[in-house]
């Protein structure tokens, strides 16, 4: 039980709780069609609205590795900044049980290449938080379907393990004491991705719900101050979701071989989580000295051909060659 005063939300930095009735609180999205990221009125964890996320095999809105439908918020957490984040997630009763990675929340770096510094994902019947700067999984929990999972994450963002740290609560229980860690990559800022991103080997439809995301500077500002509904465990299953038994894995956990590490060249702006081996994600670190991209190009994804600026440069060179040829 939280023992904090009920004060005004003076330290709230941003809300992504969908109480606008749409997805306008976010900077952008990576989605194959609008029905994959739906703002719904049932089920909800709080307020009037939540986000329903659906991913089907083949959903690849940015022509990259894995399958995904995600929202992007360009918070650009900077070196030395410190925040509390609170959000709630519910996995549908038929959410796939597979022995591979299924990310539902990640803080991605804005430079090119490498796994995100911090991510939350499902593997088999476990929820996990991974720190990819040192390839560790400091927290694991049991995947329960059809109920809301509340996460509160306290982070100091830094590329230095001596400065950065993480601290985690799950369903109002502190499950990870403050732990020193590098939570960023040198020379890069972080941004939020919320939705579902998974290995393209997963065949069953995946459905989950996000609600109540809030970012603030104090713990008190992210805590619930209103009663939350307690949905029935079968609520998330809807007419468009395969109706498999909640306790039966939709796919045999051992049937999907671990895929090769995806090269998510189209992810804003580099690759996402990569494969997540059993003992931890241990993704590829980005090259050192990469400058952060200050534009919003990440939302649209990378272009390995170099984009419009490269095209203009090539046209200029061709024109110069023609002029020289005519003069000779």
C-alpha atoms as a PDB file:
ATOM      1  CA  UNK A   1       0.000   0.000   0.000  1.00  0.00           C
ATOM      2  CA  UNK A   2       1.370   3.403  -0.995  1.00  0.00           C
ATOM      3  CA  UNK A   3       1.890   5.835   1.903  1.00  0.00           C
ATOM      4  CA  UNK A   4       2.265   9.160   0.105  1.00  0.00           C
ATOM      5  CA  UNK A   5       0.277  12.370   0.333  1.00  0.00           C
ATOM      6  CA  UNK A   6      -2.390  13.032  -2.287  1.00  0.00           C
ATOM      7  CA  UNK A   7      -0.989  16.194  -3.854  1.00  0.00           C
ATOM      8  CA  UNK A   8      -1.498  17.942  -7.158  1.00  0.00           C
ATOM      9  CA  UNK A   9       0.411  16.454 -10.095  1.00  0.00           C
ATOM     10  CA  UNK A  10       3.026  19.192 -10.128  1.00  0.00           C
ATOM     11  CA  UNK A  11       5.788  16.928 -11.367  1.00  0.00           C
ATOM     12  CA  UNK A  12       3.959  15.367 -14.316  1.00  0.00           C
ATOM     13  CA  UNK A  13       6.043  15.730 -17.475  1.00  0.00           C
ATOM     14  CA  UNK A  14       3.857  13.880 -19.980  1.00  0.00           C
ATOM     15  CA  UNK A  15       0.779  11.699 -20.207  1.00  0.00           C
ATOM     16  CA  UNK A  16       0.204   8.995 -22.792  1.00  0.00           C
ATOM     17  CA  UNK A  17      -2.952   7.602 -21.203  1.00  0.00           C
ATOM     18  CA  UNK A  18      -5.268   7.883 -24.262  1.00  0.00           C
ATOM     19  CA  UNK A  19      -7.772   9.987 -22.325  1.00  0.00           C
ATOM     20  CA  UNK A  20      -7.898  12.238 -25.377  1.00  0.00           C
ATOM     21  CA  UNK A  21      -9.871   9.417 -26.991  1.00  0.00           C
ATOM     22  CA  UNK A  22      -7.226   9.009 -29.699  1.00  0.00           C
ATOM     23  CA  UNK A  23      -3.482   8.524 -30.222  1.00  0.00           C
ATOM     24  CA  UNK A  24      -2.637  12.231 -30.483  1.00  0.00           C
ATOM     25  CA  UNK A  25      -0.500  12.253 -27.310  1.00  0.00           C
ATOM     26  CA  UNK A  26       2.211  10.346 -29.183  1.00  0.00           C
ATOM     27  CA  UNK A  27       4.734  11.649 -31.712  1.00  0.00           C
ATOM     28  CA  UNK A  28       4.130   8.996 -34.332  1.00  0.00           C
ATOM     29  CA  UNK A  29       3.364   5.363 -34.992  1.00  0.00           C
ATOM     30  CA  UNK A  30       4.540   2.309 -36.900  1.00  0.00           C
ATOM     31  CA  UNK A  31       1.405   0.428 -37.885  1.00  0.00           C
ATOM     32  CA  UNK A  32       0.232  -1.549 -40.913  1.00  0.00           C
ATOM     33  CA  UNK A  33      -3.409  -0.452 -40.558  1.00  0.00           C
ATOM     34  CA  UNK A  34      -5.508   1.569 -38.129  1.00  0.00           C
ATOM     35  CA  UNK A  35      -7.274  -1.500 -36.712  1.00  0.00           C
ATOM     36  CA  UNK A  36      -3.988  -2.690 -35.173  1.00  0.00           C
ATOM     37  CA  UNK A  37      -3.759   0.260 -32.741  1.00  0.00           C
ATOM     38  CA  UNK A  38      -7.269   0.993 -31.500  1.00  0.00           C
ATOM     39  CA  UNK A  39      -8.301   3.321 -28.681  1.00  0.00           C
ATOM     40  CA  UNK A  40     -11.085   1.399 -26.916  1.00  0.00           C
ATOM     41  CA  UNK A  41     -13.495   1.907 -24.019  1.00  0.00           C
ATOM     42  CA  UNK A  42     -13.401  -1.720 -22.840  1.00  0.00           C
ATOM     43  CA  UNK A  43     -11.359  -3.061 -21.204  1.00  0.00           C
ATOM     44  CA  UNK A  44      -9.705  -0.135 -19.421  1.00  0.00           C
ATOM     45  CA  UNK A  45      -7.495   0.013 -16.342  1.00  0.00           C
ATOM     46  CA  UNK A  46      -8.438   3.603 -15.481  1.00  0.00           C
ATOM     47  CA  UNK A  47     -10.293   6.539 -16.983  1.00  0.00           C
ATOM     48  CA  UNK A  48     -12.397   6.024 -20.100  1.00  0.00           C
ATOM     49  CA  UNK A  49      -9.909   4.781 -22.696  1.00  0.00           C
ATOM     50  CA  UNK A  50      -7.100   2.304 -23.300  1.00  0.00           C
ATOM     51  CA  UNK A  51      -5.104   1.167 -26.324  1.00  0.00           C
ATOM     52  CA  UNK A  52      -5.726  -2.230 -27.891  1.00  0.00           C
ATOM     53  CA  UNK A  53      -2.681  -3.530 -29.786  1.00  0.00           C
ATOM     54  CA  UNK A  54      -2.928  -6.365 -32.299  1.00  0.00           C
ATOM     55  CA  UNK A  55      -0.043  -7.969 -34.182  1.00  0.00           C
ATOM     56  CA  UNK A  56      -0.435 -10.650 -36.837  1.00  0.00           C
ATOM     57  CA  UNK A  57       2.322 -12.582 -38.532  1.00  0.00           C
ATOM     58  CA  UNK A  58       3.564 -10.504 -41.442  1.00  0.00           C
ATOM     59  CA  UNK A  59       2.815  -7.108 -39.856  1.00  0.00           C
ATOM     60  CA  UNK A  60       5.906  -5.162 -40.912  1.00  0.00           C
ATOM     61  CA  UNK A  61       5.059  -1.474 -41.368  1.00  0.00           C
ATOM     62  CA  UNK A  62       8.681  -0.357 -41.821  1.00  0.00           C
ATOM     63  CA  UNK A  63      10.042  -3.225 -43.955  1.00  0.00           C
ATOM     64  CA  UNK A  64      12.398  -4.391 -41.252  1.00  0.00           C
ATOM     65  CA  UNK A  65      12.969  -7.329 -38.930  1.00  0.00           C
ATOM     66  CA  UNK A  66      10.236  -8.838 -36.795  1.00  0.00           C
ATOM     67  CA  UNK A  67       6.550  -7.967 -36.745  1.00  0.00           C
ATOM     68  CA  UNK A  68       5.218  -4.927 -34.950  1.00  0.00           C
ATOM     69  CA  UNK A  69       2.626  -2.246 -34.389  1.00  0.00           C
ATOM     70  CA  UNK A  70       3.941   0.453 -32.052  1.00  0.00           C
ATOM     71  CA  UNK A  71       3.459   4.032 -30.942  1.00  0.00           C
ATOM     72  CA  UNK A  72       6.471   6.334 -30.664  1.00  0.00           C
ATOM     73  CA  UNK A  73       6.940   9.206 -28.220  1.00  0.00           C
ATOM     74  CA  UNK A  74       9.963  11.409 -28.799  1.00  0.00           C
ATOM     75  CA  UNK A  75      10.659  12.275 -25.177  1.00  0.00           C
ATOM     76  CA  UNK A  76      14.390  12.224 -25.913  1.00  0.00           C
ATOM     77  CA  UNK A  77      15.526  11.476 -22.384  1.00  0.00           C
ATOM     78  CA  UNK A  78      18.910  13.117 -22.010  1.00  0.00           C
ATOM     79  CA  UNK A  79      22.072  12.304 -20.086  1.00  0.00           C
ATOM     80  CA  UNK A  80      21.585  12.936 -16.381  1.00  0.00           C
ATOM     81  CA  UNK A  81      17.780  13.230 -16.480  1.00  0.00           C
ATOM     82  CA  UNK A  82      15.769  11.282 -13.913  1.00  0.00           C
ATOM     83  CA  UNK A  83      12.112  10.238 -14.164  1.00  0.00           C
ATOM     84  CA  UNK A  84       9.419   7.940 -12.861  1.00  0.00           C
ATOM     85  CA  UNK A  85       7.233   6.124 -15.394  1.00  0.00           C
ATOM     86  CA  UNK A  86       3.995   4.316 -14.644  1.00  0.00           C
ATOM     87  CA  UNK A  87       1.912   2.325 -17.093  1.00  0.00           C
ATOM     88  CA  UNK A  88      -0.427  -0.671 -17.162  1.00  0.00           C
ATOM     89  CA  UNK A  89      -0.496  -3.633 -19.527  1.00  0.00           C
ATOM     90  CA  UNK A  90      -2.974  -6.475 -19.947  1.00  0.00           C
ATOM     91  CA  UNK A  91      -2.303  -9.511 -22.111  1.00  0.00           C
ATOM     92  CA  UNK A  92      -5.316 -11.137 -23.764  1.00  0.00           C
ATOM     93  CA  UNK A  93      -6.333 -14.540 -22.452  1.00  0.00           C
ATOM     94  CA  UNK A  94      -4.991 -16.144 -25.623  1.00  0.00           C
ATOM     95  CA  UNK A  95      -1.729 -14.191 -25.799  1.00  0.00           C
ATOM     96  CA  UNK A  96       0.829 -16.534 -27.434  1.00  0.00           C
ATOM     97  CA  UNK A  97       3.178 -18.593 -25.293  1.00  0.00           C
ATOM     98  CA  UNK A  98       6.323 -18.965 -27.396  1.00  0.00           C
ATOM     99  CA  UNK A  99       9.975 -19.421 -26.604  1.00  0.00           C
ATOM    100  CA  UNK A 100      11.070 -16.204 -28.272  1.00  0.00           C
ATOM    101  CA  UNK A 101      10.886 -12.442 -27.708  1.00  0.00           C
ATOM    102  CA  UNK A 102       7.738 -10.306 -27.655  1.00  0.00           C
ATOM    103  CA  UNK A 103       8.487  -6.702 -26.604  1.00  0.00           C
ATOM    104  CA  UNK A 104       5.716  -4.505 -25.208  1.00  0.00           C
ATOM    105  CA  UNK A 105       7.648  -1.445 -23.938  1.00  0.00           C
ATOM    106  CA  UNK A 106      11.096  -0.164 -24.833  1.00  0.00           C
ATOM    107  CA  UNK A 107      13.261   2.911 -24.524  1.00  0.00           C
ATOM    108  CA  UNK A 108      15.180   3.022 -27.782  1.00  0.00           C
ATOM    109  CA  UNK A 109      18.287   5.028 -28.568  1.00  0.00           C
ATOM    110  CA  UNK A 110      18.093   7.589 -31.369  1.00  0.00           C
ATOM    111  CA  UNK A 111      21.381   6.711 -33.048  1.00  0.00           C
ATOM    112  CA  UNK A 112      21.864   3.965 -35.593  1.00  0.00           C
ATOM    113  CA  UNK A 113      22.121   0.268 -34.845  1.00  0.00           C
ATOM    114  CA  UNK A 114      22.099  -1.915 -31.772  1.00  0.00           C
ATOM    115  CA  UNK A 115      19.547  -3.129 -29.241  1.00  0.00           C
ATOM    116  CA  UNK A 116      17.636  -0.612 -27.091  1.00  0.00           C
ATOM    117  CA  UNK A 117      19.241   0.224 -23.741  1.00  0.00           C
ATOM    118  CA  UNK A 118      16.143  -0.769 -21.743  1.00  0.00           C
ATOM    119  CA  UNK A 119      13.207  -2.992 -22.665  1.00  0.00           C
ATOM    120  CA  UNK A 120      10.301  -5.011 -21.275  1.00  0.00           C
ATOM    121  CA  UNK A 121       9.277  -8.193 -23.031  1.00  0.00           C
ATOM    122  CA  UNK A 122       7.574 -11.568 -22.743  1.00  0.00           C
ATOM    123  CA  UNK A 123       9.353 -14.846 -23.302  1.00  0.00           C
ATOM    124  CA  UNK A 124       7.397 -18.051 -22.823  1.00  0.00           C
ATOM    125  CA  UNK A 125       5.503 -17.549 -19.566  1.00  0.00           C
ATOM    126  CA  UNK A 126       7.792 -14.853 -18.164  1.00  0.00           C
ATOM    127  CA  UNK A 127       7.758 -11.079 -18.096  1.00  0.00           C
ATOM    128  CA  UNK A 128      11.269  -9.637 -18.220  1.00  0.00           C
ATOM    129  CA  UNK A 129      13.111  -6.352 -17.999  1.00  0.00           C
ATOM    130  CA  UNK A 130      16.442  -6.259 -19.806  1.00  0.00           C
ATOM    131  CA  UNK A 131      19.375  -3.865 -19.669  1.00  0.00           C
ATOM    132  CA  UNK A 132      21.310  -4.269 -22.883  1.00  0.00           C
ATOM    133  CA  UNK A 133      24.302  -2.149 -21.875  1.00  0.00           C
ATOM    134  CA  UNK A 134      25.517  -5.104 -19.822  1.00  0.00           C
ATOM    135  CA  UNK A 135      23.271  -7.857 -21.290  1.00  0.00           C
ATOM    136  CA  UNK A 136      21.469  -8.573 -18.020  1.00  0.00           C
ATOM    137  CA  UNK A 137      17.897  -9.383 -17.016  1.00  0.00           C
ATOM    138  CA  UNK A 138      17.588  -7.794 -13.563  1.00  0.00           C
ATOM    139  CA  UNK A 139      13.897  -8.677 -13.198  1.00  0.00           C
ATOM    140  CA  UNK A 140      11.640 -11.582 -14.179  1.00  0.00           C
ATOM    141  CA  UNK A 141       7.987 -12.088 -13.301  1.00  0.00           C
ATOM    142  CA  UNK A 142       5.151 -14.446 -14.124  1.00  0.00           C
ATOM    143  CA  UNK A 143       3.002 -13.723 -17.164  1.00  0.00           C
ATOM    144  CA  UNK A 144      -0.645 -13.594 -16.104  1.00  0.00           C
ATOM    145  CA  UNK A 145      -3.215 -13.120 -18.823  1.00  0.00           C
ATOM    146  CA  UNK A 146      -6.512 -11.293 -18.534  1.00  0.00           C
ATOM    147  CA  UNK A 147      -5.409  -9.022 -15.647  1.00  0.00           C
ATOM    148  CA  UNK A 148      -3.732  -5.630 -15.535  1.00  0.00           C
ATOM    149  CA  UNK A 149      -0.024  -5.471 -14.737  1.00  0.00           C
ATOM    150  CA  UNK A 150       1.093  -2.138 -13.303  1.00  0.00           C
ATOM    151  CA  UNK A 151       4.711  -1.101 -13.730  1.00  0.00           C
ATOM    152  CA  UNK A 152       6.481   1.820 -12.077  1.00  0.00           C
ATOM    153  CA  UNK A 153       9.987   2.376 -13.362  1.00  0.00           C
ATOM    154  CA  UNK A 154      12.413   4.837 -11.775  1.00  0.00           C
ATOM    155  CA  UNK A 155      15.357   5.620 -14.033  1.00  0.00           C
ATOM    156  CA  UNK A 156      18.316   7.929 -14.074  1.00  0.00           C
ATOM    157  CA  UNK A 157      19.412   8.083 -17.680  1.00  0.00           C
ATOM    158  CA  UNK A 158      23.161   7.968 -18.152  1.00  0.00           C
ATOM    159  CA  UNK A 159      25.743   6.260 -20.324  1.00  0.00           C
ATOM    160  CA  UNK A 160      27.832   5.788 -17.168  1.00  0.00           C
ATOM    161  CA  UNK A 161      27.039   2.835 -14.911  1.00  0.00           C
ATOM    162  CA  UNK A 162      28.367   4.839 -11.974  1.00  0.00           C
ATOM    163  CA  UNK A 163      25.681   7.497 -12.575  1.00  0.00           C
ATOM    164  CA  UNK A 164      22.681   5.736 -14.085  1.00  0.00           C
ATOM    165  CA  UNK A 165      20.299   3.447 -12.200  1.00  0.00           C
ATOM    166  CA  UNK A 166      16.974   1.622 -12.414  1.00  0.00           C
ATOM    167  CA  UNK A 167      14.370   0.785  -9.783  1.00  0.00           C
ATOM    168  CA  UNK A 168      11.148  -1.164 -10.418  1.00  0.00           C
ATOM    169  CA  UNK A 169       7.744  -1.821  -8.862  1.00  0.00           C
ATOM    170  CA  UNK A 170       5.294  -4.402 -10.220  1.00  0.00           C
ATOM    171  CA  UNK A 171       1.690  -4.306  -9.006  1.00  0.00           C
ATOM    172  CA  UNK A 172       2.683  -1.962  -6.155  1.00  0.00           C
ATOM    173  CA  UNK A 173       5.383  -4.319  -4.915  1.00  0.00           C
ATOM    174  CA  UNK A 174       8.999  -3.273  -5.155  1.00  0.00           C
ATOM    175  CA  UNK A 175      10.628  -6.026  -7.175  1.00  0.00           C
ATOM    176  CA  UNK A 176      13.980  -4.409  -7.997  1.00  0.00           C
ATOM    177  CA  UNK A 177      15.951  -2.289  -5.559  1.00  0.00           C
ATOM    178  CA  UNK A 178      17.886   0.638  -6.987  1.00  0.00           C
ATOM    179  CA  UNK A 179      20.521  -0.856  -9.261  1.00  0.00           C
ATOM    180  CA  UNK A 180      23.405   1.002 -10.861  1.00  0.00           C
ATOM    181  CA  UNK A 181      23.507   0.589 -14.631  1.00  0.00           C
ATOM    182  CA  UNK A 182      24.290   2.356 -17.872  1.00  0.00           C
ATOM    183  CA  UNK A 183      20.815   3.210 -19.131  1.00  0.00           C
ATOM    184  CA  UNK A 184      21.867   5.039 -22.300  1.00  0.00           C
ATOM    185  CA  UNK A 185      24.478   4.767 -25.012  1.00  0.00           C
ATOM    186  CA  UNK A 186      27.166   7.445 -25.231  1.00  0.00           C
ATOM    187  CA  UNK A 187      26.208  10.440 -27.345  1.00  0.00           C
ATOM    188  CA  UNK A 188      22.588   9.355 -27.807  1.00  0.00           C
ATOM    189  CA  UNK A 189      19.207  10.172 -26.305  1.00  0.00           C
ATOM    190  CA  UNK A 190      16.340   7.751 -25.700  1.00  0.00           C
ATOM    191  CA  UNK A 191      12.721   7.702 -26.821  1.00  0.00           C
ATOM    192  CA  UNK A 192       9.713   5.528 -25.930  1.00  0.00           C
ATOM    193  CA  UNK A 193       8.112   2.802 -28.047  1.00  0.00           C
ATOM    194  CA  UNK A 194       4.845   1.314 -26.779  1.00  0.00           C
ATOM    195  CA  UNK A 195       2.866  -1.485 -28.421  1.00  0.00           C
ATOM    196  CA  UNK A 196       3.968  -4.969 -29.457  1.00  0.00           C
ATOM    197  CA  UNK A 197       7.092  -5.948 -31.397  1.00  0.00           C
ATOM    198  CA  UNK A 198       7.951  -9.622 -31.741  1.00  0.00           C
ATOM    199  CA  UNK A 199       9.873 -12.242 -33.678  1.00  0.00           C
ATOM    200  CA  UNK A 200       8.405 -12.910 -37.118  1.00  0.00           C
ATOM    201  CA  UNK A 201       8.411 -16.635 -36.302  1.00  0.00           C
ATOM    202  CA  UNK A 202       5.370 -16.184 -34.018  1.00  0.00           C
ATOM    203  CA  UNK A 203       2.257 -17.357 -35.882  1.00  0.00           C
ATOM    204  CA  UNK A 204      -0.745 -16.778 -33.540  1.00  0.00           C
ATOM    205  CA  UNK A 205      -2.350 -13.353 -33.346  1.00  0.00           C
ATOM    206  CA  UNK A 206      -1.073 -11.358 -30.374  1.00  0.00           C
ATOM    207  CA  UNK A 207      -3.354  -8.939 -28.513  1.00  0.00           C
ATOM    208  CA  UNK A 208      -2.553  -6.781 -25.507  1.00  0.00           C
ATOM    209  CA  UNK A 209      -3.737  -3.515 -23.952  1.00  0.00           C
ATOM    210  CA  UNK A 210      -1.860  -0.443 -22.703  1.00  0.00           C
ATOM    211  CA  UNK A 211      -3.294   2.191 -20.369  1.00  0.00           C
ATOM    212  CA  UNK A 212      -2.396   5.003 -17.985  1.00  0.00           C
ATOM    213  CA  UNK A 213       1.125   5.855 -19.154  1.00  0.00           C
ATOM    214  CA  UNK A 214       2.503   8.806 -17.209  1.00  0.00           C
ATOM    215  CA  UNK A 215       5.982  10.301 -16.866  1.00  0.00           C
ATOM    216  CA  UNK A 216       6.857  12.460 -13.858  1.00  0.00           C
ATOM    217  CA  UNK A 217       9.678  13.665 -11.653  1.00  0.00           C
ATOM    218  CA  UNK A 218       8.394  12.167  -8.369  1.00  0.00           C
ATOM    219  CA  UNK A 219       6.948   8.859  -7.256  1.00  0.00           C
ATOM    220  CA  UNK A 220       3.885  10.570  -5.790  1.00  0.00           C
ATOM    221  CA  UNK A 221       2.972  11.999  -9.189  1.00  0.00           C
ATOM    222  CA  UNK A 222       2.705   8.615 -10.899  1.00  0.00           C
ATOM    223  CA  UNK A 223       0.688   6.818  -8.237  1.00  0.00           C
ATOM    224  CA  UNK A 224      -2.990   6.009  -8.639  1.00  0.00           C
ATOM    225  CA  UNK A 225      -5.345   8.430  -6.918  1.00  0.00           C
ATOM    226  CA  UNK A 226      -8.593   6.929  -8.255  1.00  0.00           C
ATOM    227  CA  UNK A 227     -10.094   3.433  -7.904  1.00  0.00           C
ATOM    228  CA  UNK A 228      -9.255   1.092 -10.771  1.00  0.00           C
ATOM    229  CA  UNK A 229     -11.718  -1.431 -12.234  1.00  0.00           C
ATOM    230  CA  UNK A 230     -10.920  -5.120 -11.864  1.00  0.00           C
ATOM    231  CA  UNK A 231     -11.827  -6.764 -15.165  1.00  0.00           C
ATOM    232  CA  UNK A 232     -12.826 -10.376 -15.433  1.00  0.00           C
ATOM    233  CA  UNK A 233      -9.981 -12.558 -16.676  1.00  0.00           C
ATOM    234  CA  UNK A 234     -11.899 -13.336 -19.838  1.00  0.00           C
ATOM    235  CA  UNK A 235     -12.660  -9.716 -20.736  1.00  0.00           C
ATOM    236  CA  UNK A 236      -9.812  -9.074 -23.187  1.00  0.00           C
ATOM    237  CA  UNK A 237     -10.888 -11.778 -25.627  1.00  0.00           C
ATOM    238  CA  UNK A 238     -13.045 -10.138 -28.277  1.00  0.00           C
ATOM    239  CA  UNK A 239     -14.755 -11.181 -31.475  1.00  0.00           C
ATOM    240  CA  UNK A 240     -11.667 -10.534 -33.533  1.00  0.00           C
ATOM    241  CA  UNK A 241      -9.282 -12.473 -31.311  1.00  0.00           C
ATOM    242  CA  UNK A 242      -8.709 -16.244 -31.639  1.00  0.00           C
ATOM    243  CA  UNK A 243     -10.571 -17.951 -28.806  1.00  0.00           C
ATOM    244  CA  UNK A 244      -8.008 -20.387 -27.487  1.00  0.00           C
ATOM    245  CA  UNK A 245      -7.983 -21.508 -23.894  1.00  0.00           C
ATOM    246  CA  UNK A 246      -6.160 -18.974 -21.711  1.00  0.00           C
ATOM    247  CA  UNK A 247      -4.039 -21.569 -20.018  1.00  0.00           C
ATOM    248  CA  UNK A 248      -3.072 -23.472 -23.138  1.00  0.00           C
ATOM    249  CA  UNK A 249      -0.094 -22.155 -25.071  1.00  0.00           C
ATOM    250  CA  UNK A 250      -1.194 -21.157 -28.559  1.00  0.00           C
ATOM    251  CA  UNK A 251       2.138 -22.455 -29.829  1.00  0.00           C
ATOM    252  CA  UNK A 252       4.289 -25.157 -28.316  1.00  0.00           C
ATOM    253  CA  UNK A 253       7.029 -23.281 -26.504  1.00  0.00           C
ATOM    254  CA  UNK A 254       9.658 -25.539 -27.957  1.00  0.00           C
ATOM    255  CA  UNK A 255       8.416 -25.591 -31.526  1.00  0.00           C
ATOM    256  CA  UNK A 256       9.810 -22.249 -32.662  1.00  0.00           C
ATOM    257  CA  UNK A 257      13.570 -22.344 -33.165  1.00  0.00           C
ATOM    258  CA  UNK A 258      15.361 -19.234 -32.022  1.00  0.00           C
ATOM    259  CA  UNK A 259      15.640 -17.010 -35.115  1.00  0.00           C
ATOM    260  CA  UNK A 260      18.798 -15.312 -36.176  1.00  0.00           C
ATOM    261  CA  UNK A 261      19.316 -11.840 -34.791  1.00  0.00           C
ATOM    262  CA  UNK A 262      17.107  -9.479 -36.817  1.00  0.00           C
ATOM    263  CA  UNK A 263      18.716  -6.604 -38.663  1.00  0.00           C
ATOM    264  CA  UNK A 264      16.023  -4.037 -38.115  1.00  0.00           C
ATOM    265  CA  UNK A 265      17.443  -1.527 -40.573  1.00  0.00           C
ATOM    266  CA  UNK A 266      14.163   0.304 -40.858  1.00  0.00           C
ATOM    267  CA  UNK A 267      13.490   0.813 -37.178  1.00  0.00           C
ATOM    268  CA  UNK A 268      13.769   4.439 -36.066  1.00  0.00           C
ATOM    269  CA  UNK A 269      16.558   4.863 -36.733  1.00  0.00           C
ATOM    270  CA  UNK A 270      18.385   1.540 -36.375  1.00  0.00           C
ATOM    271  CA  UNK A 271      17.533  -1.950 -35.144  1.00  0.00           C
ATOM    272  CA  UNK A 272      15.274  -2.851 -32.266  1.00  0.00           C
ATOM    273  CA  UNK A 273      15.766  -5.476 -29.618  1.00  0.00           C
ATOM    274  CA  UNK A 274      17.362  -8.106 -31.729  1.00  0.00           C
ATOM    275  CA  UNK A 275      16.881 -11.679 -30.649  1.00  0.00           C
ATOM    276  CA  UNK A 276      16.572 -12.299 -26.947  1.00  0.00           C
ATOM    277  CA  UNK A 277      18.411 -15.501 -26.037  1.00  0.00           C
ATOM    278  CA  UNK A 278      17.334 -17.475 -22.984  1.00  0.00           C
ATOM    279  CA  UNK A 279      19.894 -15.980 -20.623  1.00  0.00           C
ATOM    280  CA  UNK A 280      19.239 -12.406 -21.658  1.00  0.00           C
ATOM    281  CA  UNK A 281      18.848 -10.191 -24.701  1.00  0.00           C
ATOM    282  CA  UNK A 282      22.534  -9.335 -24.962  1.00  0.00           C
ATOM    283  CA  UNK A 283      21.900  -7.407 -28.138  1.00  0.00           C
ATOM    284  CA  UNK A 284      24.496  -5.663 -30.226  1.00  0.00           C
ATOM    285  CA  UNK A 285      25.676  -2.373 -28.778  1.00  0.00           C
ATOM    286  CA  UNK A 286      25.592   0.593 -31.151  1.00  0.00           C
ATOM    287  CA  UNK A 287      28.884   1.922 -32.467  1.00  0.00           C
ATOM    288  CA  UNK A 288      30.495   4.470 -30.169  1.00  0.00           C
ATOM    289  CA  UNK A 289      30.556   8.122 -31.077  1.00  0.00           C
ATOM    290  CA  UNK A 290      27.302   8.063 -33.060  1.00  0.00           C
ATOM    291  CA  UNK A 291      25.654  11.455 -33.028  1.00  0.00           C
ATOM    292  CA  UNK A 292      21.959  11.555 -32.119  1.00  0.00           C
ATOM    293  CA  UNK A 293      19.617  12.466 -34.930  1.00  0.00           C
ATOM    294  CA  UNK A 294      17.825  15.658 -33.919  1.00  0.00           C
ATOM    295  CA  UNK A 295      15.106  15.289 -36.546  1.00  0.00           C
ATOM    296  CA  UNK A 296      11.897  13.279 -36.357  1.00  0.00           C
ATOM    297  CA  UNK A 297      13.058  10.950 -39.107  1.00  0.00           C
ATOM    298  CA  UNK A 298      13.083   8.054 -36.663  1.00  0.00           C
ATOM    299  CA  UNK A 299       9.305   7.845 -36.785  1.00  0.00           C
ATOM    300  CA  UNK A 300       9.432   7.070 -40.467  1.00  0.00           C
ATOM    301  CA  UNK A 301      12.323   4.623 -40.155  1.00  0.00           C
ATOM    302  CA  UNK A 302      15.781   4.425 -41.647  1.00  0.00           C
ATOM    303  CA  UNK A 303      16.627   4.372 -45.308  1.00  0.00           C
ATOM    304  CA  UNK A 304      19.704   2.333 -46.095  1.00  0.00           C
ATOM    305  CA  UNK A 305      20.033   4.110 -49.446  1.00  0.00           C
ATOM    306  CA  UNK A 306      20.797   7.383 -47.676  1.00  0.00           C
ATOM    307  CA  UNK A 307      17.472   9.196 -48.130  1.00  0.00           C
ATOM    308  CA  UNK A 308      16.636  12.327 -50.149  1.00  0.00           C
ATOM    309  CA  UNK A 309      19.793  14.209 -49.181  1.00  0.00           C
ATOM    310  CA  UNK A 310      21.931  11.463 -50.639  1.00  0.00           C
ATOM    311  CA  UNK A 311      19.818  11.519 -53.800  1.00  0.00           C
ATOM    312  CA  UNK A 312      20.295  15.264 -54.232  1.00  0.00           C
ATOM    313  CA  UNK A 313      24.018  14.894 -53.745  1.00  0.00           C
ATOM    314  CA  UNK A 314      24.204  12.215 -56.447  1.00  0.00           C
ATOM    315  CA  UNK A 315      22.198  14.343 -58.894  1.00  0.00           C
ATOM    316  CA  UNK A 316      24.572  17.261 -58.294  1.00  0.00           C
ATOM    317  CA  UNK A 317      27.599  15.117 -59.019  1.00  0.00           C
ATOM    318  CA  UNK A 318      26.023  13.778 -62.209  1.00  0.00           C
ATOM    319  CA  UNK A 319      25.225  17.311 -63.375  1.00  0.00           C
ATOM    320  CA  UNK A 320      28.789  18.447 -62.712  1.00  0.00           C
ATOM    321  CA  UNK A 321      30.134  15.493 -64.699  1.00  0.00           C
ATOM    322  CA  UNK A 322      27.912  16.368 -67.674  1.00  0.00           C
ATOM    323  CA  UNK A 323      29.047  20.007 -67.630  1.00  0.00           C
ATOM    324  CA  UNK A 324      32.676  18.936 -67.614  1.00  0.00           C
ATOM    325  CA  UNK A 325      32.078  16.464 -70.442  1.00  0.00           C
ATOM    326  CA  UNK A 326      30.423  19.149 -72.595  1.00  0.00           C
ATOM    327  CA  UNK A 327      33.262  21.589 -71.949  1.00  0.00           C
ATOM    328  CA  UNK A 328      35.814  19.023 -73.067  1.00  0.00           C
END
